[in-house]
């Protein structure tokens, strides 16, 4: 029942922009911590950006100043605005939502969306 549906990935030239979306169903996204992760072939998965249920944000050093993570609570959707894209940003980007309630934990992942940046 829980599903994170990602969109907005694609093929862009270096210096271009993309806006990734993560539409949630089956959960109320505003009460979850949300993160965007990426993984390129042969590289470890890394956290790109995160936003807590309280609105605090965190960014990887490699993308600081170029990306903004946000939520639209009315649409139950998270976003990652990516500007000044570089070829090294090429990766599969995954949306994640998680929270803990006492001893219980919930952790959900989207299917991933491909971002390819050409020089």
C-alpha atoms as a PDB file:
ATOM      1  CA  UNK A   1       0.000   0.000   0.000  1.00  0.00           C
ATOM      2  CA  UNK A   2       2.844   2.387   0.793  1.00  0.00           C
ATOM      3  CA  UNK A   3       4.407   3.747  -2.343  1.00  0.00           C
ATOM      4  CA  UNK A   4       6.878   6.467  -3.212  1.00  0.00           C
ATOM      5  CA  UNK A   5       6.589   7.422  -6.860  1.00  0.00           C
ATOM      6  CA  UNK A   6       9.515   9.364  -8.253  1.00  0.00           C
ATOM      7  CA  UNK A   7       9.615  11.494 -11.354  1.00  0.00           C
ATOM      8  CA  UNK A   8      11.605  14.296 -12.910  1.00  0.00           C
ATOM      9  CA  UNK A   9      14.798  12.503 -13.800  1.00  0.00           C
ATOM     10  CA  UNK A  10      16.208  12.667 -17.257  1.00  0.00           C
ATOM     11  CA  UNK A  11      19.075  13.591 -19.506  1.00  0.00           C
ATOM     12  CA  UNK A  12      20.486  17.107 -19.249  1.00  0.00           C
ATOM     13  CA  UNK A  13      23.597  18.992 -20.224  1.00  0.00           C
ATOM     14  CA  UNK A  14      26.088  20.183 -17.646  1.00  0.00           C
ATOM     15  CA  UNK A  15      24.888  23.397 -16.067  1.00  0.00           C
ATOM     16  CA  UNK A  16      21.244  22.476 -16.481  1.00  0.00           C
ATOM     17  CA  UNK A  17      18.586  21.884 -13.865  1.00  0.00           C
ATOM     18  CA  UNK A  18      16.178  19.158 -12.847  1.00  0.00           C
ATOM     19  CA  UNK A  19      13.435  18.969 -10.263  1.00  0.00           C
ATOM     20  CA  UNK A  20      12.893  15.517  -8.832  1.00  0.00           C
ATOM     21  CA  UNK A  21       9.552  14.686  -7.250  1.00  0.00           C
ATOM     22  CA  UNK A  22       8.628  12.003  -4.728  1.00  0.00           C
ATOM     23  CA  UNK A  23       4.880  11.503  -4.473  1.00  0.00           C
ATOM     24  CA  UNK A  24       3.914   9.478  -1.419  1.00  0.00           C
ATOM     25  CA  UNK A  25       0.818   7.363  -0.921  1.00  0.00           C
ATOM     26  CA  UNK A  26      -0.157   5.200   2.019  1.00  0.00           C
ATOM     27  CA  UNK A  27       1.781   7.415   4.430  1.00  0.00           C
ATOM     28  CA  UNK A  28       1.617  11.021   5.495  1.00  0.00           C
ATOM     29  CA  UNK A  29       4.952  12.308   4.268  1.00  0.00           C
ATOM     30  CA  UNK A  30       5.114  15.405   6.532  1.00  0.00           C
ATOM     31  CA  UNK A  31       5.502  13.252   9.651  1.00  0.00           C
ATOM     32  CA  UNK A  32       8.453  11.363   8.157  1.00  0.00           C
ATOM     33  CA  UNK A  33      12.054  12.278   7.727  1.00  0.00           C
ATOM     34  CA  UNK A  34      12.732  12.333   4.000  1.00  0.00           C
ATOM     35  CA  UNK A  35      15.970  11.925   2.123  1.00  0.00           C
ATOM     36  CA  UNK A  36      17.315  11.730  -1.380  1.00  0.00           C
ATOM     37  CA  UNK A  37      20.084   9.225  -2.006  1.00  0.00           C
ATOM     38  CA  UNK A  38      22.048   8.515  -5.144  1.00  0.00           C
ATOM     39  CA  UNK A  39      24.176   5.675  -6.380  1.00  0.00           C
ATOM     40  CA  UNK A  40      26.379   5.560  -9.437  1.00  0.00           C
ATOM     41  CA  UNK A  41      27.794   2.325 -10.855  1.00  0.00           C
ATOM     42  CA  UNK A  42      30.792   1.189  -8.843  1.00  0.00           C
ATOM     43  CA  UNK A  43      30.226   3.771  -6.127  1.00  0.00           C
ATOM     44  CA  UNK A  44      28.646   3.623  -2.698  1.00  0.00           C
ATOM     45  CA  UNK A  45      25.190   4.978  -2.146  1.00  0.00           C
ATOM     46  CA  UNK A  46      25.356   8.431  -0.649  1.00  0.00           C
ATOM     47  CA  UNK A  47      22.920  10.767   0.999  1.00  0.00           C
ATOM     48  CA  UNK A  48      22.412  13.831  -1.160  1.00  0.00           C
ATOM     49  CA  UNK A  49      19.962  15.773   0.978  1.00  0.00           C
ATOM     50  CA  UNK A  50      17.584  15.200   3.852  1.00  0.00           C
ATOM     51  CA  UNK A  51      14.777  17.027   5.573  1.00  0.00           C
ATOM     52  CA  UNK A  52      13.377  16.068   8.952  1.00  0.00           C
ATOM     53  CA  UNK A  53       9.738  16.100   9.924  1.00  0.00           C
ATOM     54  CA  UNK A  54      10.588  19.288  11.803  1.00  0.00           C
ATOM     55  CA  UNK A  55      11.955  20.962   8.684  1.00  0.00           C
ATOM     56  CA  UNK A  56      15.687  20.792   9.363  1.00  0.00           C
ATOM     57  CA  UNK A  57      17.763  20.161   6.238  1.00  0.00           C
ATOM     58  CA  UNK A  58      21.134  18.604   5.563  1.00  0.00           C
ATOM     59  CA  UNK A  59      23.158  18.440   2.350  1.00  0.00           C
ATOM     60  CA  UNK A  60      26.159  16.543   1.146  1.00  0.00           C
ATOM     61  CA  UNK A  61      29.188  18.766   0.679  1.00  0.00           C
ATOM     62  CA  UNK A  62      29.310  17.834  -2.993  1.00  0.00           C
ATOM     63  CA  UNK A  63      25.920  19.411  -3.688  1.00  0.00           C
ATOM     64  CA  UNK A  64      25.740  22.280  -1.209  1.00  0.00           C
ATOM     65  CA  UNK A  65      24.667  25.457  -2.912  1.00  0.00           C
ATOM     66  CA  UNK A  66      23.331  23.590  -5.935  1.00  0.00           C
ATOM     67  CA  UNK A  67      20.365  21.631  -4.589  1.00  0.00           C
ATOM     68  CA  UNK A  68      17.379  22.357  -2.390  1.00  0.00           C
ATOM     69  CA  UNK A  69      15.225  19.749  -0.670  1.00  0.00           C
ATOM     70  CA  UNK A  70      11.638  20.646   0.136  1.00  0.00           C
ATOM     71  CA  UNK A  71       8.165  19.295   0.780  1.00  0.00           C
ATOM     72  CA  UNK A  72       4.667  20.251  -0.257  1.00  0.00           C
ATOM     73  CA  UNK A  73       2.535  18.932   2.564  1.00  0.00           C
ATOM     74  CA  UNK A  74      -0.746  19.552   0.759  1.00  0.00           C
ATOM     75  CA  UNK A  75       0.425  17.388  -2.134  1.00  0.00           C
ATOM     76  CA  UNK A  76       2.150  14.829   0.110  1.00  0.00           C
ATOM     77  CA  UNK A  77       5.167  15.199  -2.154  1.00  0.00           C
ATOM     78  CA  UNK A  78       8.857  15.798  -1.632  1.00  0.00           C
ATOM     79  CA  UNK A  79      11.174  17.549  -4.061  1.00  0.00           C
ATOM     80  CA  UNK A  80      14.817  17.882  -4.889  1.00  0.00           C
ATOM     81  CA  UNK A  81      15.634  20.925  -6.998  1.00  0.00           C
ATOM     82  CA  UNK A  82      19.001  20.417  -8.661  1.00  0.00           C
ATOM     83  CA  UNK A  83      20.804  23.281 -10.372  1.00  0.00           C
ATOM     84  CA  UNK A  84      24.186  23.701 -12.027  1.00  0.00           C
ATOM     85  CA  UNK A  85      24.326  19.989 -12.669  1.00  0.00           C
ATOM     86  CA  UNK A  86      27.670  18.338 -13.255  1.00  0.00           C
ATOM     87  CA  UNK A  87      28.544  15.064 -14.990  1.00  0.00           C
ATOM     88  CA  UNK A  88      29.514  13.633 -11.608  1.00  0.00           C
ATOM     89  CA  UNK A  89      25.891  14.072 -10.507  1.00  0.00           C
ATOM     90  CA  UNK A  90      24.974  11.238 -12.863  1.00  0.00           C
ATOM     91  CA  UNK A  91      23.381   8.486 -10.782  1.00  0.00           C
ATOM     92  CA  UNK A  92      20.164   6.755  -9.867  1.00  0.00           C
ATOM     93  CA  UNK A  93      18.381   8.916  -7.322  1.00  0.00           C
ATOM     94  CA  UNK A  94      16.169   7.282  -4.697  1.00  0.00           C
ATOM     95  CA  UNK A  95      13.615   8.858  -2.403  1.00  0.00           C
ATOM     96  CA  UNK A  96      13.460   7.606   1.177  1.00  0.00           C
ATOM     97  CA  UNK A  97      10.998   8.182   4.005  1.00  0.00           C
ATOM     98  CA  UNK A  98      11.560   6.918   7.517  1.00  0.00           C
ATOM     99  CA  UNK A  99      10.452   7.338  11.093  1.00  0.00           C
ATOM    100  CA  UNK A 100      10.590   5.586  14.443  1.00  0.00           C
ATOM    101  CA  UNK A 101       7.765   5.191  16.933  1.00  0.00           C
ATOM    102  CA  UNK A 102       9.131   3.685  20.109  1.00  0.00           C
ATOM    103  CA  UNK A 103      10.619   0.315  19.228  1.00  0.00           C
ATOM    104  CA  UNK A 104       8.948   0.277  15.812  1.00  0.00           C
ATOM    105  CA  UNK A 105      10.517   1.674  12.681  1.00  0.00           C
ATOM    106  CA  UNK A 106       9.267   2.427   9.200  1.00  0.00           C
ATOM    107  CA  UNK A 107      11.550   2.840   6.219  1.00  0.00           C
ATOM    108  CA  UNK A 108      10.331   3.202   2.644  1.00  0.00           C
ATOM    109  CA  UNK A 109      12.116   3.634  -0.669  1.00  0.00           C
ATOM    110  CA  UNK A 110      11.108   4.801  -4.077  1.00  0.00           C
ATOM    111  CA  UNK A 111      11.983   2.882  -7.209  1.00  0.00           C
ATOM    112  CA  UNK A 112      14.689   5.303  -8.264  1.00  0.00           C
ATOM    113  CA  UNK A 113      14.958   7.721 -11.142  1.00  0.00           C
ATOM    114  CA  UNK A 114      17.911   8.081 -13.468  1.00  0.00           C
ATOM    115  CA  UNK A 115      19.710  11.399 -13.745  1.00  0.00           C
ATOM    116  CA  UNK A 116      22.262  11.653 -16.531  1.00  0.00           C
ATOM    117  CA  UNK A 117      24.334  14.793 -16.994  1.00  0.00           C
ATOM    118  CA  UNK A 118      26.413  15.134 -20.130  1.00  0.00           C
ATOM    119  CA  UNK A 119      29.340  17.445 -20.724  1.00  0.00           C
END
